[in-house]
PDB file of N, CA and C in Angstrom:
ATOM      1  N   MET A   1       0.820  -1.192   0.000  1.00  0.00           N
ATOM      2  CA  MET A   1       0.000   0.000   0.000  1.00  0.00           C
ATOM      3  C   MET A   1       0.866   1.258   0.000  1.00  0.00           C
ATOM      4  N   PHE A   2       1.916   1.284   0.782  1.00  0.00           N
ATOM      5  CA  PHE A   2       2.776   2.464   0.839  1.00  0.00           C
ATOM      6  C   PHE A   2       3.485   2.698  -0.490  1.00  0.00           C
ATOM      7  N   ARG A   3       3.786   1.619  -1.203  1.00  0.00           N
ATOM      8  CA  ARG A   3       4.408   1.783  -2.513  1.00  0.00           C
ATOM      9  C   ARG A   3       3.464   2.497  -3.472  1.00  0.00           C
ATOM     10  N   LEU A   4       2.214   2.140  -3.404  1.00  0.00           N
ATOM     11  CA  LEU A   4       1.223   2.778  -4.268  1.00  0.00           C
ATOM     12  C   LEU A   4       1.120   4.274  -3.962  1.00  0.00           C
ATOM     13  N   VAL A   5       1.135   4.624  -2.687  1.00  0.00           N
ATOM     14  CA  VAL A   5       1.037   6.033  -2.287  1.00  0.00           C
ATOM     15  C   VAL A   5       2.254   6.810  -2.768  1.00  0.00           C
ATOM     16  N   ARG A   6       3.422   6.205  -2.689  1.00  0.00           N
ATOM     17  CA  ARG A   6       4.633   6.899  -3.138  1.00  0.00           C
ATOM     18  C   ARG A   6       4.651   7.084  -4.648  1.00  0.00           C
ATOM     19  N   ARG A   7       4.074   6.154  -5.375  1.00  0.00           N
ATOM     20  CA  ARG A   7       4.087   6.240  -6.832  1.00  0.00           C
ATOM     21  C   ARG A   7       2.965   7.105  -7.387  1.00  0.00           C
ATOM     22  N   MET A   8       2.016   7.432  -6.604  1.00  0.00           N
ATOM     23  CA  MET A   8       0.859   8.190  -7.071  1.00  0.00           C
ATOM     24  C   MET A   8       1.252   9.495  -7.765  1.00  0.00           C
ATOM     25  N   PRO A   9       2.148  10.309  -7.234  1.00  0.00           N
ATOM     26  CA  PRO A   9       2.494  11.544  -7.941  1.00  0.00           C
ATOM     27  C   PRO A   9       3.041  11.289  -9.342  1.00  0.00           C
ATOM     28  N   PHE A  10       3.795  10.197  -9.520  1.00  0.00           N
ATOM     29  CA  PHE A  10       4.315   9.883 -10.844  1.00  0.00           C
ATOM     30  C   PHE A  10       3.176   9.630 -11.824  1.00  0.00           C
ATOM     31  N   PHE A  11       2.156   8.895 -11.410  1.00  0.00           N
ATOM     32  CA  PHE A  11       1.040   8.617 -12.296  1.00  0.00           C
ATOM     33  C   PHE A  11       0.253   9.878 -12.616  1.00  0.00           C
ATOM     34  N   ARG A  12       0.178  10.783 -11.670  1.00  0.00           N
ATOM     35  CA  ARG A  12      -0.477  12.070 -11.962  1.00  0.00           C
ATOM     36  C   ARG A  12       0.315  12.837 -12.996  1.00  0.00           C
ATOM     37  N   LEU A  13       1.640  12.856 -12.839  1.00  0.00           N
ATOM     38  CA  LEU A  13       2.482  13.539 -13.819  1.00  0.00           C
ATOM     39  C   LEU A  13       2.360  12.890 -15.194  1.00  0.00           C
ATOM     40  N   LEU A  14       2.293  11.594 -15.215  1.00  0.00           N
ATOM     41  CA  LEU A  14       2.130  10.884 -16.475  1.00  0.00           C
ATOM     42  C   LEU A  14       0.794  11.254 -17.130  1.00  0.00           C
ATOM     43  N   ALA A  15      -0.257  11.321 -16.352  1.00  0.00           N
ATOM     44  CA  ALA A  15      -1.569  11.692 -16.882  1.00  0.00           C
ATOM     45  C   ALA A  15      -1.564  13.129 -17.411  1.00  0.00           C
ATOM     46  N   ILE A  16      -0.939  14.010 -16.684  1.00  0.00           N
ATOM     47  CA  ILE A  16      -0.848  15.411 -17.135  1.00  0.00           C
ATOM     48  C   ILE A  16      -0.075  15.487 -18.445  1.00  0.00           C
ATOM     49  N   GLY A  17       0.999  14.726 -18.538  1.00  0.00           N
ATOM     50  CA  GLY A  17       1.788  14.706 -19.772  1.00  0.00           C
ATOM     51  C   GLY A  17       0.999  14.177 -20.949  1.00  0.00           C
ATOM     52  N   GLN A  18       0.238  13.103 -20.740  1.00  0.00           N
ATOM     53  CA  GLN A  18      -0.584  12.558 -21.821  1.00  0.00           C
ATOM     54  C   GLN A  18      -1.642  13.554 -22.266  1.00  0.00           C
ATOM     55  N   LEU A  19      -2.263  14.219 -21.319  1.00  0.00           N
ATOM     56  CA  LEU A  19      -3.286  15.208 -21.652  1.00  0.00           C
ATOM     57  C   LEU A  19      -2.675  16.391 -22.400  1.00  0.00           C
ATOM     58  N   ALA A  20      -1.478  16.780 -22.015  1.00  0.00           N
ATOM     59  CA  ALA A  20      -0.792  17.878 -22.709  1.00  0.00           C
ATOM     60  C   ALA A  20      -0.499  17.507 -24.158  1.00  0.00           C
ATOM     61  N   LEU A  21      -0.113  16.264 -24.406  1.00  0.00           N
ATOM     62  CA  LEU A  21       0.148  15.833 -25.779  1.00  0.00           C
ATOM     63  C   LEU A  21      -1.126  15.818 -26.616  1.00  0.00           C
ATOM     64  N   VAL A  22      -2.232  15.385 -26.025  1.00  0.00           N
ATOM     65  CA  VAL A  22      -3.508  15.389 -26.737  1.00  0.00           C
ATOM     66  C   VAL A  22      -3.911  16.833 -27.051  1.00  0.00           C
ATOM     67  N   ALA A  23      -3.751  17.724 -26.073  1.00  0.00           N
ATOM     68  CA  ALA A  23      -4.103  19.136 -26.286  1.00  0.00           C
ATOM     69  C   ALA A  23      -3.218  19.753 -27.366  1.00  0.00           C
ATOM     70  N   ARG A  24      -1.946  19.395 -27.369  1.00  0.00           N
ATOM     71  CA  ARG A  24      -1.018  19.944 -28.359  1.00  0.00           C
ATOM     72  C   ARG A  24      -1.453  19.553 -29.778  1.00  0.00           C
ATOM     73  N   ARG A  25      -1.864  18.296 -29.948  1.00  0.00           N
ATOM     74  CA  ARG A  25      -2.323  17.858 -31.273  1.00  0.00           C
ATOM     75  C   ARG A  25      -3.510  18.684 -31.752  1.00  0.00           C
ATOM     76  N   HIS A  26      -4.400  19.016 -30.836  1.00  0.00           N
ATOM     77  CA  HIS A  26      -5.576  19.791 -31.231  1.00  0.00           C
ATOM     78  C   HIS A  26      -5.233  21.260 -31.442  1.00  0.00           C
ATOM     79  N   LEU A  27      -4.313  21.789 -30.671  1.00  0.00           N
ATOM     80  CA  LEU A  27      -3.925  23.188 -30.863  1.00  0.00           C
ATOM     81  C   LEU A  27      -3.195  23.403 -32.181  1.00  0.00           C
ATOM     82  N   GLN A  28      -2.583  22.359 -32.700  1.00  0.00           N
ATOM     83  CA  GLN A  28      -1.879  22.497 -33.976  1.00  0.00           C
ATOM     84  C   GLN A  28      -2.835  22.625 -35.149  1.00  0.00           C
ATOM     85  N   ASN A  29      -4.142  22.469 -34.920  1.00  0.00           N
ATOM     86  CA  ASN A  29      -5.128  22.730 -35.972  1.00  0.00           C
ATOM     87  C   ASN A  29      -5.220  24.221 -36.279  1.00  0.00           C
ATOM     88  N   LEU A  30      -4.735  25.037 -35.366  1.00  0.00           N
ATOM     89  CA  LEU A  30      -4.762  26.486 -35.565  1.00  0.00           C
ATOM     90  C   LEU A  30      -3.403  26.966 -36.071  1.00  0.00           C
ATOM     91  N   ALA A  31      -3.432  28.021 -36.850  1.00  0.00           N
ATOM     92  CA  ALA A  31      -2.193  28.660 -37.294  1.00  0.00           C
ATOM     93  C   ALA A  31      -1.565  29.379 -36.096  1.00  0.00           C
ATOM     94  N   PRO A  32      -0.264  29.644 -36.143  1.00  0.00           N
ATOM     95  CA  PRO A  32       0.384  30.337 -35.013  1.00  0.00           C
ATOM     96  C   PRO A  32      -0.287  31.659 -34.645  1.00  0.00           C
ATOM     97  N   ALA A  33      -0.703  32.418 -35.632  1.00  0.00           N
ATOM     98  CA  ALA A  33      -1.375  33.690 -35.345  1.00  0.00           C
ATOM     99  C   ALA A  33      -2.711  33.455 -34.646  1.00  0.00           C
ATOM    100  N   GLU A  34      -3.416  32.410 -35.045  1.00  0.00           N
ATOM    101  CA  GLU A  34      -4.692  32.086 -34.402  1.00  0.00           C
ATOM    102  C   GLU A  34      -4.481  31.616 -32.972  1.00  0.00           C
ATOM    103  N   ARG A  35      -3.408  30.868 -32.728  1.00  0.00           N
ATOM    104  CA  ARG A  35      -3.114  30.425 -31.361  1.00  0.00           C
ATOM    105  C   ARG A  35      -2.809  31.623 -30.461  1.00  0.00           C
ATOM    106  N   ARG A  36      -2.053  32.589 -30.983  1.00  0.00           N
ATOM    107  CA  ARG A  36      -1.768  33.803 -30.203  1.00  0.00           C
ATOM    108  C   ARG A  36      -3.050  34.574 -29.911  1.00  0.00           C
ATOM    109  N   ARG A  37      -3.902  34.698 -30.918  1.00  0.00           N
ATOM    110  CA  ARG A  37      -5.160  35.427 -30.738  1.00  0.00           C
ATOM    111  C   ARG A  37      -6.061  34.711 -29.736  1.00  0.00           C
ATOM    112  N   LEU A  38      -6.098  33.378 -29.792  1.00  0.00           N
ATOM    113  CA  LEU A  38      -6.869  32.600 -28.829  1.00  0.00           C
ATOM    114  C   LEU A  38      -6.387  32.869 -27.410  1.00  0.00           C
ATOM    115  N   ALA A  39      -5.075  32.916 -27.225  1.00  0.00           N
ATOM    116  CA  ALA A  39      -4.525  33.194 -25.901  1.00  0.00           C
ATOM    117  C   ALA A  39      -4.899  34.609 -25.440  1.00  0.00           C
ATOM    118  N   GLU A  40      -4.819  35.570 -26.342  1.00  0.00           N
ATOM    119  CA  GLU A  40      -5.182  36.951 -25.987  1.00  0.00           C
ATOM    120  C   GLU A  40      -6.655  37.033 -25.564  1.00  0.00           C
ATOM    121  N   LEU A  41      -7.517  36.416 -26.357  1.00  0.00           N
ATOM    122  CA  LEU A  41      -8.945  36.477 -26.059  1.00  0.00           C
ATOM    123  C   LEU A  41      -9.280  35.736 -24.768  1.00  0.00           C
ATOM    124  N   ALA A  42      -8.609  34.639 -24.517  1.00  0.00           N
ATOM    125  CA  ALA A  42      -8.864  33.887 -23.289  1.00  0.00           C
ATOM    126  C   ALA A  42      -8.412  34.681 -22.064  1.00  0.00           C
ATOM    127  N   ARG A  43      -7.345  35.432 -22.202  1.00  0.00           N
ATOM    128  CA  ARG A  43      -6.872  36.259 -21.073  1.00  0.00           C
ATOM    129  C   ARG A  43      -7.832  37.394 -20.753  1.00  0.00           C
ATOM    130  N   ARG A  44      -8.514  37.909 -21.770  1.00  0.00           N
ATOM    131  CA  ARG A  44      -9.452  39.010 -21.546  1.00  0.00           C
ATOM    132  C   ARG A  44     -10.627  38.585 -20.681  1.00  0.00           C
ATOM    133  N   GLY A  45     -11.083  37.375 -20.894  1.00  0.00           N
ATOM    134  CA  GLY A  45     -12.175  36.847 -20.080  1.00  0.00           C
ATOM    135  C   GLY A  45     -13.456  37.624 -20.228  1.00  0.00           C
ATOM    136  N   ARG A  46     -14.027  38.011 -19.112  1.00  0.00           N
ATOM    137  CA  ARG A  46     -15.335  38.686 -19.121  1.00  0.00           C
ATOM    138  C   ARG A  46     -15.296  40.105 -19.674  1.00  0.00           C
ATOM    139  N   SER A  47     -14.123  40.685 -19.765  1.00  0.00           N
ATOM    140  CA  SER A  47     -14.038  42.054 -20.284  1.00  0.00           C
ATOM    141  C   SER A  47     -14.026  42.095 -21.812  1.00  0.00           C
ATOM    142  N   ALA A  48     -14.148  40.944 -22.466  1.00  0.00           N
ATOM    143  CA  ALA A  48     -14.151  40.899 -23.926  1.00  0.00           C
ATOM    144  C   ALA A  48     -15.454  41.484 -24.474  1.00  0.00           C
ATOM    145  N   THR A  49     -15.345  42.111 -25.617  1.00  0.00           N
ATOM    146  CA  THR A  49     -16.528  42.663 -26.284  1.00  0.00           C
ATOM    147  C   THR A  49     -17.313  41.522 -26.927  1.00  0.00           C
ATOM    148  N   PRO A  50     -18.562  41.764 -27.300  1.00  0.00           N
ATOM    149  CA  PRO A  50     -19.338  40.708 -27.978  1.00  0.00           C
ATOM    150  C   PRO A  50     -18.666  40.201 -29.255  1.00  0.00           C
ATOM    151  N   ALA A  51     -18.024  41.087 -30.008  1.00  0.00           N
ATOM    152  CA  ALA A  51     -17.327  40.660 -31.228  1.00  0.00           C
ATOM    153  C   ALA A  51     -16.145  39.747 -30.887  1.00  0.00           C
ATOM    154  N   GLU A  52     -15.428  40.099 -29.822  1.00  0.00           N
ATOM    155  CA  GLU A  52     -14.302  39.259 -29.397  1.00  0.00           C
ATOM    156  C   GLU A  52     -14.790  37.901 -28.888  1.00  0.00           C
ATOM    157  N   ARG A  53     -15.935  37.893 -28.220  1.00  0.00           N
ATOM    158  CA  ARG A  53     -16.497  36.620 -27.747  1.00  0.00           C
ATOM    159  C   ARG A  53     -16.883  35.731 -28.925  1.00  0.00           C
ATOM    160  N   ASP A  54     -17.441  36.329 -29.968  1.00  0.00           N
ATOM    161  CA  ASP A  54     -17.776  35.560 -31.167  1.00  0.00           C
ATOM    162  C   ASP A  54     -16.510  34.993 -31.821  1.00  0.00           C
ATOM    163  N   GLU A  55     -15.463  35.815 -31.850  1.00  0.00           N
ATOM    164  CA  GLU A  55     -14.196  35.358 -32.412  1.00  0.00           C
ATOM    165  C   GLU A  55     -13.620  34.201 -31.587  1.00  0.00           C
ATOM    166  N   LEU A  56     -13.724  34.316 -30.264  1.00  0.00           N
ATOM    167  CA  LEU A  56     -13.257  33.248 -29.378  1.00  0.00           C
ATOM    168  C   LEU A  56     -14.048  31.964 -29.619  1.00  0.00           C
ATOM    169  N   ARG A  57     -15.363  32.082 -29.770  1.00  0.00           N
ATOM    170  CA  ARG A  57     -16.195  30.903 -30.069  1.00  0.00           C
ATOM    171  C   ARG A  57     -15.771  30.232 -31.368  1.00  0.00           C
ATOM    172  N   ALA A  58     -15.477  31.038 -32.375  1.00  0.00           N
ATOM    173  CA  ALA A  58     -15.069  30.491 -33.674  1.00  0.00           C
ATOM    174  C   ALA A  58     -13.728  29.760 -33.563  1.00  0.00           C
ATOM    175  N   LEU A  59     -12.796  30.341 -32.823  1.00  0.00           N
ATOM    176  CA  LEU A  59     -11.487  29.701 -32.660  1.00  0.00           C
ATOM    177  C   LEU A  59     -11.602  28.404 -31.869  1.00  0.00           C
ATOM    178  N   VAL A  60     -12.398  28.416 -30.829  1.00  0.00           N
ATOM    179  CA  VAL A  60     -12.581  27.203 -30.013  1.00  0.00           C
ATOM    180  C   VAL A  60     -13.287  26.127 -30.842  1.00  0.00           C
ATOM    181  N   ALA A  61     -14.217  26.525 -31.680  1.00  0.00           N
ATOM    182  CA  ALA A  61     -14.902  25.553 -32.532  1.00  0.00           C
ATOM    183  C   ALA A  61     -13.925  24.878 -33.489  1.00  0.00           C
ATOM    184  N   ARG A  62     -12.927  25.610 -33.952  1.00  0.00           N
ATOM    185  CA  ARG A  62     -11.911  25.025 -34.838  1.00  0.00           C
ATOM    186  C   ARG A  62     -11.068  23.994 -34.116  1.00  0.00           C
ATOM    187  N   LEU A  63     -11.009  24.073 -32.793  1.00  0.00           N
ATOM    188  CA  LEU A  63     -10.240  23.102 -32.008  1.00  0.00           C
ATOM    189  C   LEU A  63     -10.982  21.773 -31.845  1.00  0.00           C
ATOM    190  N   GLU A  64     -12.235  21.730 -32.226  1.00  0.00           N
ATOM    191  CA  GLU A  64     -13.074  20.532 -32.130  1.00  0.00           C
ATOM    192  C   GLU A  64     -13.104  19.990 -30.702  1.00  0.00           C
ATOM    193  N   PRO A  65     -13.785  20.697 -29.784  1.00  0.00           N
ATOM    194  CA  PRO A  65     -13.783  20.286 -28.384  1.00  0.00           C
ATOM    195  C   PRO A  65     -14.370  18.904 -28.140  1.00  0.00           C
ATOM    196  N   ARG A  66     -15.339  18.483 -28.935  1.00  0.00           N
ATOM    197  CA  ARG A  66     -15.911  17.150 -28.745  1.00  0.00           C
ATOM    198  C   ARG A  66     -14.886  16.062 -29.080  1.00  0.00           C
ATOM    199  N   VAL A  67     -14.139  16.270 -30.155  1.00  0.00           N
ATOM    200  CA  VAL A  67     -13.100  15.312 -30.536  1.00  0.00           C
ATOM    201  C   VAL A  67     -12.001  15.300 -29.477  1.00  0.00           C
ATOM    202  N   PHE A  68     -11.666  16.485 -28.953  1.00  0.00           N
ATOM    203  CA  PHE A  68     -10.655  16.569 -27.896  1.00  0.00           C
ATOM    204  C   PHE A  68     -11.098  15.805 -26.654  1.00  0.00           C
ATOM    205  N   ALA A  69     -12.364  15.977 -26.259  1.00  0.00           N
ATOM    206  CA  ALA A  69     -12.878  15.269 -25.081  1.00  0.00           C
ATOM    207  C   ALA A  69     -12.838  13.766 -25.294  1.00  0.00           C
ATOM    208  N   GLY A  70     -13.183  13.322 -26.497  1.00  0.00           N
ATOM    209  CA  GLY A  70     -13.122  11.897 -26.803  1.00  0.00           C
ATOM    210  C   GLY A  70     -11.701  11.365 -26.765  1.00  0.00           C
ATOM    211  N   ALA A  71     -10.757  12.138 -27.302  1.00  0.00           N
ATOM    212  CA  ALA A  71      -9.354  11.706 -27.295  1.00  0.00           C
ATOM    213  C   ALA A  71      -8.812  11.653 -25.872  1.00  0.00           C
ATOM    214  N   ALA A  72      -9.191  12.620 -25.056  1.00  0.00           N
ATOM    215  CA  ALA A  72      -8.745  12.620 -23.659  1.00  0.00           C
ATOM    216  C   ALA A  72      -9.353  11.440 -22.909  1.00  0.00           C
ATOM    217  N   ALA A  73     -10.614  11.165 -23.145  1.00  0.00           N
ATOM    218  CA  ALA A  73     -11.260  10.030 -22.481  1.00  0.00           C
ATOM    219  C   ALA A  73     -10.634   8.720 -22.935  1.00  0.00           C
ATOM    220  N   ARG A  74     -10.316   8.617 -24.227  1.00  0.00           N
ATOM    221  CA  ARG A  74      -9.676   7.419 -24.741  1.00  0.00           C
ATOM    222  C   ARG A  74      -8.306   7.200 -24.111  1.00  0.00           C
ATOM    223  N   ALA A  75      -7.591   8.297 -23.863  1.00  0.00           N
ATOM    224  CA  ALA A  75      -6.255   8.188 -23.286  1.00  0.00           C
ATOM    225  C   ALA A  75      -6.289   7.656 -21.858  1.00  0.00           C
ATOM    226  N   PHE A  76      -7.358   7.919 -21.130  1.00  0.00           N
ATOM    227  CA  PHE A  76      -7.417   7.545 -19.721  1.00  0.00           C
ATOM    228  C   PHE A  76      -8.391   6.414 -19.400  1.00  0.00           C
ATOM    229  N   SER A  77      -9.218   6.049 -20.346  1.00  0.00           N
ATOM    230  CA  SER A  77     -10.229   5.030 -20.063  1.00  0.00           C
ATOM    231  C   SER A  77      -9.621   3.635 -20.116  1.00  0.00           C
ATOM    232  N   PRO A  78      -9.882   2.820 -19.106  1.00  0.00           N
ATOM    233  CA  PRO A  78      -9.361   1.451 -19.132  1.00  0.00           C
ATOM    234  C   PRO A  78     -10.166   0.532 -20.045  1.00  0.00           C
ATOM    235  N   VAL A  79     -11.333   0.983 -20.486  1.00  0.00           N
ATOM    236  CA  VAL A  79     -12.175   0.183 -21.381  1.00  0.00           C
ATOM    237  C   VAL A  79     -12.382   0.942 -22.686  1.00  0.00           C
ATOM    238  N   ARG A  80     -12.731   0.215 -23.704  1.00  0.00           N
ATOM    239  CA  ARG A  80     -12.981   0.827 -25.007  1.00  0.00           C
ATOM    240  C   ARG A  80     -14.266   1.654 -24.949  1.00  0.00           C
ATOM    241  N   LEU A  81     -14.229   2.855 -25.510  1.00  0.00           N
ATOM    242  CA  LEU A  81     -15.383   3.749 -25.492  1.00  0.00           C
ATOM    243  C   LEU A  81     -16.343   3.423 -26.636  1.00  0.00           C
ATOM    244  N   PRO A  82     -17.620   3.708 -26.458  1.00  0.00           N
ATOM    245  CA  PRO A  82     -18.586   3.521 -27.555  1.00  0.00           C
ATOM    246  C   PRO A  82     -18.219   4.394 -28.752  1.00  0.00           C
ATOM    247  N   ARG A  83     -18.639   3.997 -29.914  1.00  0.00           N
ATOM    248  CA  ARG A  83     -18.266   4.674 -31.161  1.00  0.00           C
ATOM    249  C   ARG A  83     -18.661   6.146 -31.171  1.00  0.00           C
ATOM    250  N   ARG A  84     -19.779   6.491 -30.548  1.00  0.00           N
ATOM    251  CA  ARG A  84     -20.233   7.884 -30.584  1.00  0.00           C
ATOM    252  C   ARG A  84     -19.324   8.837 -29.812  1.00  0.00           C
ATOM    253  N   TYR A  85     -18.448   8.303 -28.949  1.00  0.00           N
ATOM    254  CA  TYR A  85     -17.525   9.146 -28.182  1.00  0.00           C
ATOM    255  C   TYR A  85     -16.134   9.194 -28.784  1.00  0.00           C
ATOM    256  N   ARG A  86     -15.940   8.543 -29.892  1.00  0.00           N
ATOM    257  CA  ARG A  86     -14.601   8.524 -30.498  1.00  0.00           C
ATOM    258  C   ARG A  86     -14.387   9.676 -31.404  1.00  0.00           C
TER     259      ARG A  86
END
């Protein structure tokens, strides 16, 4: 049991690393200028204008959040996911 507790942080780091790689693959769907703009708009948060919010929605849509969620779930799920989540 104590061995498991000591190794737990390593598995968390491994999970974070896997998730970062999945996120990186999806972020590469955007051009470098779009990635910079996405970061700028995300930093603005609630102070963004309606036009900026629409632009943020469009950029996030290009990242395919549903596909990202499926890829992240696939990376961590011990069982095969149903086809609709892939």
